[in-house]
């Protein structure tokens, strides 16, 4: 049974589910920073997924990155699966702009997180909802509150 790592649950807001991955929004308002987590048990590395899931992960990641680039006017998209602190496999998909607070450095560890307001979260969900549901088998989740 899939269980989201408690650190990811603590630091993110639930957006919904792709066919393979749970889509989370990092609760850091300075950057549109999303995390995809394959809903598979005890997976910490991409190579632990079967080939079909590996392809699905990459498809969901690239679709999300393209959608975010267009929706948020990115100068660069950062995509990474690090897992040094949280071992559960998760893919960071981060919109970067030349004028963001950390450019060109990494976004993590630069400064304390600036949480989203409820209105900001609603606007982001609304912005993504139409594109994701029309172009991908995406299901919104209402389980965890923002």
N, C-alpha and C. Protein backbone atom coordinates (compact mmCIF):
# COMPACT_ATOMS: atom_id res chain seq x y z
N UNK A 1 0.84 -1.18 0.00
CA UNK A 1 0.00 0.00 0.00
C UNK A 1 0.88 1.24 0.00
N UNK A 2 0.56 2.21 -0.87
CA UNK A 2 1.33 3.45 -0.97
C UNK A 2 1.07 4.34 0.24
N UNK A 3 2.15 4.81 0.85
CA UNK A 3 2.07 5.77 1.96
C UNK A 3 3.06 6.89 1.65
N UNK A 4 2.60 8.12 1.67
CA UNK A 4 3.45 9.27 1.42
C UNK A 4 4.36 9.51 2.61
N UNK A 5 5.64 9.74 2.35
CA UNK A 5 6.60 10.05 3.40
C UNK A 5 6.10 11.24 4.22
N UNK A 6 6.22 11.14 5.53
CA UNK A 6 5.69 12.18 6.42
C UNK A 6 6.32 13.55 6.18
N UNK A 7 7.59 13.59 5.78
CA UNK A 7 8.23 14.89 5.52
C UNK A 7 7.64 15.55 4.28
N UNK A 8 7.34 14.74 3.26
CA UNK A 8 6.68 15.30 2.07
C UNK A 8 5.28 15.78 2.42
N UNK A 9 4.57 15.00 3.20
CA UNK A 9 3.22 15.38 3.60
C UNK A 9 3.24 16.69 4.40
N UNK A 10 4.22 16.84 5.26
CA UNK A 10 4.33 18.03 6.12
C UNK A 10 4.67 19.28 5.31
N UNK A 11 5.48 19.14 4.26
CA UNK A 11 6.00 20.30 3.53
C UNK A 11 5.23 20.67 2.27
N UNK A 12 4.20 19.89 1.92
CA UNK A 12 3.52 20.08 0.65
C UNK A 12 2.01 20.19 0.80
N UNK A 13 1.39 20.58 -0.30
CA UNK A 13 -0.07 20.65 -0.40
C UNK A 13 -0.49 19.71 -1.52
N UNK A 14 -1.50 18.93 -1.28
CA UNK A 14 -1.97 17.96 -2.26
C UNK A 14 -2.67 18.67 -3.41
N UNK A 15 -2.30 18.29 -4.65
CA UNK A 15 -2.95 18.83 -5.83
C UNK A 15 -3.84 17.77 -6.47
N UNK A 16 -3.32 16.55 -6.65
CA UNK A 16 -4.12 15.50 -7.26
C UNK A 16 -3.26 14.32 -7.68
N UNK A 17 -3.83 13.47 -8.54
CA UNK A 17 -3.13 12.26 -8.97
C UNK A 17 -3.12 12.12 -10.48
N UNK A 18 -1.95 11.85 -11.01
CA UNK A 18 -1.79 11.37 -12.37
C UNK A 18 -2.00 9.85 -12.31
N UNK A 19 -1.98 9.16 -13.45
CA UNK A 19 -2.13 7.70 -13.39
C UNK A 19 -1.11 7.02 -12.48
N UNK A 20 0.13 7.49 -12.45
CA UNK A 20 1.16 6.89 -11.60
C UNK A 20 1.46 7.73 -10.36
N UNK A 21 1.59 9.01 -10.53
CA UNK A 21 2.15 9.86 -9.47
C UNK A 21 1.12 10.72 -8.75
N UNK A 22 1.38 10.94 -7.48
CA UNK A 22 0.69 11.94 -6.69
C UNK A 22 1.38 13.27 -6.99
N UNK A 23 0.59 14.31 -7.25
CA UNK A 23 1.13 15.63 -7.52
C UNK A 23 0.97 16.50 -6.28
N UNK A 24 2.09 17.03 -5.82
CA UNK A 24 2.13 17.87 -4.62
C UNK A 24 2.70 19.23 -4.98
N UNK A 25 2.30 20.24 -4.24
CA UNK A 25 2.84 21.58 -4.36
C UNK A 25 3.66 21.86 -3.11
N UNK A 26 4.94 22.15 -3.27
CA UNK A 26 5.77 22.50 -2.13
C UNK A 26 5.23 23.80 -1.55
N UNK A 27 5.07 23.86 -0.25
CA UNK A 27 4.50 25.03 0.40
C UNK A 27 5.57 26.10 0.57
N UNK A 28 6.00 26.62 -0.57
CA UNK A 28 7.04 27.66 -0.67
C UNK A 28 6.62 28.62 -1.77
N UNK A 29 6.03 29.73 -1.38
CA UNK A 29 5.38 30.64 -2.32
C UNK A 29 6.33 31.39 -3.24
N UNK A 30 7.61 31.37 -2.98
CA UNK A 30 8.54 32.09 -3.86
C UNK A 30 8.75 31.41 -5.20
N UNK A 31 8.42 30.11 -5.27
CA UNK A 31 8.67 29.34 -6.49
C UNK A 31 7.49 28.41 -6.77
N UNK A 32 7.01 28.34 -7.99
CA UNK A 32 6.09 27.26 -8.34
C UNK A 32 6.91 25.95 -8.35
N UNK A 33 6.79 25.19 -7.27
CA UNK A 33 7.65 24.03 -7.03
C UNK A 33 6.76 22.84 -6.76
N UNK A 34 6.77 21.90 -7.68
CA UNK A 34 5.90 20.74 -7.61
C UNK A 34 6.71 19.48 -7.39
N UNK A 35 6.07 18.49 -6.82
CA UNK A 35 6.72 17.20 -6.56
C UNK A 35 5.79 16.09 -7.03
N UNK A 36 6.35 15.19 -7.82
CA UNK A 36 5.64 14.00 -8.28
C UNK A 36 6.17 12.80 -7.49
N UNK A 37 5.26 12.03 -6.91
CA UNK A 37 5.65 10.85 -6.12
C UNK A 37 4.93 9.63 -6.72
N UNK A 38 5.70 8.70 -7.30
CA UNK A 38 5.05 7.48 -7.80
C UNK A 38 4.33 6.76 -6.66
N UNK A 39 3.09 6.37 -6.90
CA UNK A 39 2.32 5.69 -5.86
C UNK A 39 2.65 4.20 -5.89
N UNK A 40 3.87 3.90 -5.49
CA UNK A 40 4.36 2.54 -5.39
C UNK A 40 5.02 2.37 -4.03
N UNK A 41 4.92 1.17 -3.48
CA UNK A 41 5.49 0.91 -2.16
C UNK A 41 7.00 0.78 -2.20
N UNK A 42 7.64 1.34 -1.18
CA UNK A 42 9.06 1.13 -0.91
C UNK A 42 9.95 1.27 -2.14
N UNK A 43 9.77 2.37 -2.87
CA UNK A 43 10.61 2.65 -4.03
C UNK A 43 11.41 3.91 -3.72
N UNK A 44 12.73 3.79 -3.81
CA UNK A 44 13.58 4.95 -3.55
C UNK A 44 14.39 5.37 -4.79
N UNK A 45 14.43 4.53 -5.81
CA UNK A 45 15.21 4.82 -7.00
C UNK A 45 14.37 4.58 -8.25
N UNK A 46 14.62 5.34 -9.30
CA UNK A 46 13.88 5.18 -10.55
C UNK A 46 14.02 3.76 -11.08
N UNK A 47 15.22 3.18 -10.99
CA UNK A 47 15.44 1.84 -11.55
C UNK A 47 14.69 0.75 -10.80
N UNK A 48 14.11 1.06 -9.64
CA UNK A 48 13.31 0.08 -8.92
C UNK A 48 11.88 -0.02 -9.49
N UNK A 49 11.50 0.94 -10.30
CA UNK A 49 10.21 0.87 -10.99
C UNK A 49 10.33 -0.07 -12.18
N UNK A 50 9.25 -0.76 -12.53
CA UNK A 50 9.32 -1.56 -13.75
C UNK A 50 9.37 -0.60 -14.95
N UNK A 51 9.68 -1.14 -16.12
CA UNK A 51 9.89 -0.28 -17.30
C UNK A 51 8.65 0.54 -17.66
N UNK A 52 7.48 -0.05 -17.52
CA UNK A 52 6.26 0.70 -17.82
C UNK A 52 6.10 1.89 -16.87
N UNK A 53 6.38 1.69 -15.58
CA UNK A 53 6.30 2.78 -14.61
C UNK A 53 7.40 3.82 -14.84
N UNK A 54 8.58 3.39 -15.26
CA UNK A 54 9.65 4.35 -15.59
C UNK A 54 9.21 5.26 -16.73
N UNK A 55 8.63 4.68 -17.76
CA UNK A 55 8.15 5.48 -18.90
C UNK A 55 7.02 6.41 -18.45
N UNK A 56 6.12 5.90 -17.62
CA UNK A 56 4.99 6.71 -17.14
C UNK A 56 5.49 7.87 -16.28
N UNK A 57 6.47 7.62 -15.42
CA UNK A 57 7.05 8.68 -14.59
C UNK A 57 7.62 9.78 -15.47
N UNK A 58 8.37 9.38 -16.49
CA UNK A 58 8.98 10.39 -17.36
C UNK A 58 7.91 11.14 -18.16
N UNK A 59 6.88 10.43 -18.61
CA UNK A 59 5.80 11.07 -19.35
C UNK A 59 5.08 12.09 -18.46
N UNK A 60 4.77 11.73 -17.24
CA UNK A 60 4.09 12.65 -16.33
C UNK A 60 4.99 13.83 -15.98
N UNK A 61 6.27 13.57 -15.77
CA UNK A 61 7.22 14.63 -15.44
C UNK A 61 7.35 15.62 -16.58
N UNK A 62 7.55 15.14 -17.80
CA UNK A 62 7.73 16.05 -18.93
C UNK A 62 6.44 16.80 -19.25
N UNK A 63 5.29 16.14 -19.14
CA UNK A 63 4.03 16.82 -19.37
C UNK A 63 3.83 17.94 -18.35
N UNK A 64 4.09 17.63 -17.08
CA UNK A 64 3.96 18.63 -16.03
C UNK A 64 4.93 19.79 -16.27
N UNK A 65 6.17 19.50 -16.59
CA UNK A 65 7.17 20.54 -16.81
C UNK A 65 6.77 21.46 -17.96
N UNK A 66 6.28 20.88 -19.05
CA UNK A 66 5.85 21.69 -20.19
C UNK A 66 4.65 22.57 -19.81
N UNK A 67 3.71 21.99 -19.09
CA UNK A 67 2.54 22.74 -18.64
C UNK A 67 2.94 23.89 -17.73
N UNK A 68 3.85 23.63 -16.78
CA UNK A 68 4.29 24.67 -15.86
C UNK A 68 5.08 25.76 -16.57
N UNK A 69 5.94 25.36 -17.50
CA UNK A 69 6.73 26.35 -18.24
C UNK A 69 5.81 27.34 -18.94
N UNK A 70 4.78 26.80 -19.60
CA UNK A 70 3.83 27.65 -20.31
C UNK A 70 2.96 28.46 -19.35
N UNK A 71 2.49 27.82 -18.27
CA UNK A 71 1.56 28.47 -17.34
C UNK A 71 2.21 29.54 -16.48
N UNK A 72 3.49 29.36 -16.15
CA UNK A 72 4.15 30.27 -15.22
C UNK A 72 5.27 31.09 -15.85
N UNK A 73 5.45 30.99 -17.16
CA UNK A 73 6.46 31.80 -17.84
C UNK A 73 7.87 31.55 -17.35
N UNK A 74 8.26 30.29 -17.29
CA UNK A 74 9.59 29.93 -16.77
C UNK A 74 10.70 30.35 -17.73
N UNK A 75 11.82 30.77 -17.15
CA UNK A 75 13.05 30.93 -17.92
C UNK A 75 13.76 29.59 -18.04
N UNK A 76 13.58 28.75 -17.01
CA UNK A 76 14.22 27.43 -16.96
C UNK A 76 13.38 26.53 -16.07
N UNK A 77 13.28 25.27 -16.45
CA UNK A 77 12.62 24.28 -15.60
C UNK A 77 13.69 23.42 -14.94
N UNK A 78 13.62 23.27 -13.63
CA UNK A 78 14.53 22.39 -12.90
C UNK A 78 13.78 21.10 -12.60
N UNK A 79 14.37 19.98 -13.00
CA UNK A 79 13.78 18.67 -12.77
C UNK A 79 14.85 17.82 -12.11
N UNK A 80 14.51 17.22 -10.95
CA UNK A 80 15.51 16.44 -10.23
C UNK A 80 14.86 15.41 -9.33
N UNK A 81 15.53 14.27 -9.19
CA UNK A 81 15.15 13.25 -8.22
C UNK A 81 16.37 13.03 -7.34
N UNK A 82 16.40 13.67 -6.18
CA UNK A 82 17.59 13.62 -5.32
C UNK A 82 17.45 12.59 -4.21
N UNK A 83 16.56 12.81 -3.30
CA UNK A 83 16.28 11.83 -2.26
C UNK A 83 17.34 11.63 -1.21
N UNK A 84 18.17 12.62 -0.96
CA UNK A 84 19.18 12.48 0.08
C UNK A 84 18.58 12.60 1.48
N UNK A 85 17.52 13.36 1.63
CA UNK A 85 16.86 13.52 2.93
C UNK A 85 15.61 12.64 3.00
N UNK A 86 14.78 12.69 1.96
CA UNK A 86 13.58 11.87 1.87
C UNK A 86 13.88 10.77 0.86
N UNK A 87 13.98 9.54 1.33
CA UNK A 87 14.39 8.46 0.43
C UNK A 87 13.28 8.00 -0.51
N UNK A 88 12.02 8.25 -0.17
CA UNK A 88 10.93 7.86 -1.07
C UNK A 88 11.13 8.55 -2.42
N UNK A 89 11.05 7.79 -3.50
CA UNK A 89 11.26 8.35 -4.83
C UNK A 89 10.28 9.50 -5.06
N UNK A 90 10.83 10.65 -5.43
CA UNK A 90 10.01 11.81 -5.76
C UNK A 90 10.79 12.68 -6.73
N UNK A 91 10.06 13.29 -7.64
CA UNK A 91 10.64 14.12 -8.68
C UNK A 91 10.26 15.57 -8.44
N UNK A 92 11.26 16.43 -8.29
CA UNK A 92 11.04 17.87 -8.16
C UNK A 92 10.88 18.45 -9.56
N UNK A 93 9.86 19.27 -9.75
CA UNK A 93 9.66 19.98 -11.01
C UNK A 93 9.42 21.44 -10.61
N UNK A 94 10.44 22.27 -10.86
CA UNK A 94 10.45 23.63 -10.31
C UNK A 94 10.55 24.67 -11.42
N UNK A 95 9.65 25.64 -11.37
CA UNK A 95 9.69 26.76 -12.30
C UNK A 95 10.74 27.73 -11.79
N UNK A 96 11.69 28.06 -12.65
CA UNK A 96 12.71 29.05 -12.28
C UNK A 96 12.63 30.26 -13.20
N UNK A 97 12.82 31.40 -12.58
CA UNK A 97 12.87 32.66 -13.32
C UNK A 97 14.14 33.39 -12.92
N UNK A 98 14.68 34.13 -13.85
CA UNK A 98 15.93 34.86 -13.58
C UNK A 98 15.78 35.86 -12.43
N UNK A 99 14.55 36.27 -12.15
CA UNK A 99 14.33 37.23 -11.07
C UNK A 99 13.82 36.58 -9.77
N UNK A 100 13.89 35.22 -9.67
CA UNK A 100 13.41 34.61 -8.43
C UNK A 100 14.43 34.78 -7.31
N UNK A 101 14.01 34.53 -6.09
CA UNK A 101 14.80 34.83 -4.88
C UNK A 101 16.12 34.07 -4.78
N UNK A 102 16.25 32.95 -5.46
CA UNK A 102 17.46 32.14 -5.34
C UNK A 102 18.29 32.07 -6.62
N UNK A 103 17.80 32.61 -7.71
CA UNK A 103 18.47 32.47 -9.01
C UNK A 103 19.92 32.91 -8.92
N UNK A 104 20.85 32.18 -9.48
CA UNK A 104 20.75 30.91 -10.19
C UNK A 104 21.00 29.69 -9.29
N UNK A 105 21.07 29.91 -8.00
CA UNK A 105 21.35 28.82 -7.05
C UNK A 105 20.13 27.90 -6.90
N UNK A 106 20.31 26.74 -6.28
CA UNK A 106 19.16 25.86 -5.99
C UNK A 106 18.18 26.56 -5.06
N UNK A 107 16.91 26.15 -5.13
CA UNK A 107 15.88 26.80 -4.30
C UNK A 107 15.89 26.30 -2.87
N UNK A 108 16.33 25.08 -2.61
CA UNK A 108 16.25 24.55 -1.25
C UNK A 108 17.42 25.01 -0.41
N UNK A 109 17.12 25.28 0.85
CA UNK A 109 18.15 25.65 1.81
C UNK A 109 18.62 27.08 1.70
N UNK A 110 18.06 27.85 0.81
CA UNK A 110 18.50 29.24 0.62
C UNK A 110 17.98 30.15 1.73
N UNK A 111 16.71 29.95 2.10
CA UNK A 111 16.07 30.78 3.12
C UNK A 111 14.85 30.04 3.65
N UNK A 112 14.30 30.44 4.79
CA UNK A 112 13.11 29.77 5.32
C UNK A 112 11.95 29.85 4.32
N UNK A 113 11.13 28.81 4.30
CA UNK A 113 10.00 28.76 3.39
C UNK A 113 9.00 29.87 3.68
N UNK A 114 8.41 30.36 2.63
CA UNK A 114 7.36 31.37 2.72
C UNK A 114 6.05 30.69 2.30
N UNK A 115 5.21 30.28 3.25
CA UNK A 115 4.02 29.49 2.91
C UNK A 115 3.03 30.25 2.01
N UNK A 116 2.31 29.48 1.21
CA UNK A 116 1.25 30.02 0.37
C UNK A 116 0.06 30.43 1.23
N UNK A 117 -0.69 31.40 0.74
CA UNK A 117 -2.00 31.70 1.32
C UNK A 117 -3.01 30.75 0.68
N UNK A 118 -4.17 30.60 1.29
CA UNK A 118 -5.23 29.76 0.72
C UNK A 118 -5.62 30.27 -0.67
N UNK A 119 -5.64 31.58 -0.85
CA UNK A 119 -6.01 32.17 -2.14
C UNK A 119 -4.98 31.83 -3.21
N UNK A 120 -3.70 31.87 -2.86
CA UNK A 120 -2.65 31.52 -3.82
C UNK A 120 -2.75 30.06 -4.25
N UNK A 121 -3.01 29.18 -3.30
CA UNK A 121 -3.14 27.75 -3.60
C UNK A 121 -4.33 27.52 -4.52
N UNK A 122 -5.45 28.16 -4.22
CA UNK A 122 -6.64 28.01 -5.05
C UNK A 122 -6.37 28.50 -6.47
N UNK A 123 -5.63 29.60 -6.61
CA UNK A 123 -5.32 30.13 -7.94
C UNK A 123 -4.42 29.17 -8.72
N UNK A 124 -3.45 28.58 -8.06
CA UNK A 124 -2.56 27.62 -8.73
C UNK A 124 -3.34 26.38 -9.16
N UNK A 125 -4.15 25.85 -8.26
CA UNK A 125 -4.96 24.67 -8.60
C UNK A 125 -5.88 24.99 -9.79
N UNK A 126 -6.49 26.15 -9.77
CA UNK A 126 -7.38 26.55 -10.85
C UNK A 126 -6.62 26.68 -12.17
N UNK A 127 -5.44 27.26 -12.12
CA UNK A 127 -4.62 27.47 -13.31
C UNK A 127 -4.25 26.14 -13.95
N UNK A 128 -3.97 25.14 -13.13
CA UNK A 128 -3.52 23.84 -13.65
C UNK A 128 -4.68 22.90 -13.98
N UNK A 129 -5.79 23.04 -13.30
CA UNK A 129 -6.91 22.09 -13.42
C UNK A 129 -7.32 21.84 -14.86
N UNK A 130 -7.60 22.88 -15.60
CA UNK A 130 -8.12 22.74 -16.95
C UNK A 130 -7.12 22.03 -17.86
N UNK A 131 -5.88 22.47 -17.84
CA UNK A 131 -4.87 21.88 -18.71
C UNK A 131 -4.63 20.42 -18.36
N UNK A 132 -4.52 20.11 -17.08
CA UNK A 132 -4.22 18.74 -16.68
C UNK A 132 -5.37 17.78 -16.95
N UNK A 133 -6.59 18.20 -16.70
CA UNK A 133 -7.71 17.29 -16.90
C UNK A 133 -8.05 17.12 -18.37
N UNK A 134 -7.83 18.14 -19.19
CA UNK A 134 -8.11 18.03 -20.62
C UNK A 134 -7.07 17.22 -21.36
N UNK A 135 -5.83 17.26 -20.91
CA UNK A 135 -4.74 16.66 -21.66
C UNK A 135 -4.12 15.43 -21.03
N UNK A 136 -4.56 15.07 -19.84
CA UNK A 136 -3.95 13.94 -19.15
C UNK A 136 -4.99 13.34 -18.24
N UNK A 137 -4.85 12.07 -17.94
CA UNK A 137 -5.77 11.42 -17.01
C UNK A 137 -5.40 11.85 -15.60
N UNK A 138 -5.89 13.01 -15.20
CA UNK A 138 -5.53 13.61 -13.93
C UNK A 138 -6.76 13.73 -13.04
N UNK A 139 -6.64 13.33 -11.79
CA UNK A 139 -7.76 13.41 -10.86
C UNK A 139 -7.39 14.32 -9.70
N UNK A 140 -8.24 15.32 -9.48
CA UNK A 140 -8.01 16.21 -8.34
C UNK A 140 -8.30 15.47 -7.05
N UNK A 141 -7.56 15.81 -6.04
CA UNK A 141 -7.78 15.21 -4.73
C UNK A 141 -8.33 16.28 -3.80
N UNK A 142 -9.22 15.87 -2.96
CA UNK A 142 -9.75 16.81 -1.97
C UNK A 142 -9.50 16.32 -0.56
N UNK A 143 -8.65 15.28 -0.43
CA UNK A 143 -8.44 14.65 0.86
C UNK A 143 -7.76 15.52 1.88
N UNK A 144 -6.64 16.13 1.53
CA UNK A 144 -5.88 16.92 2.50
C UNK A 144 -6.12 18.38 2.22
N UNK A 145 -6.41 19.12 3.23
CA UNK A 145 -6.68 20.55 3.08
C UNK A 145 -5.39 21.31 2.87
N UNK A 146 -5.51 22.47 2.22
CA UNK A 146 -4.33 23.30 1.96
C UNK A 146 -3.97 24.14 3.11
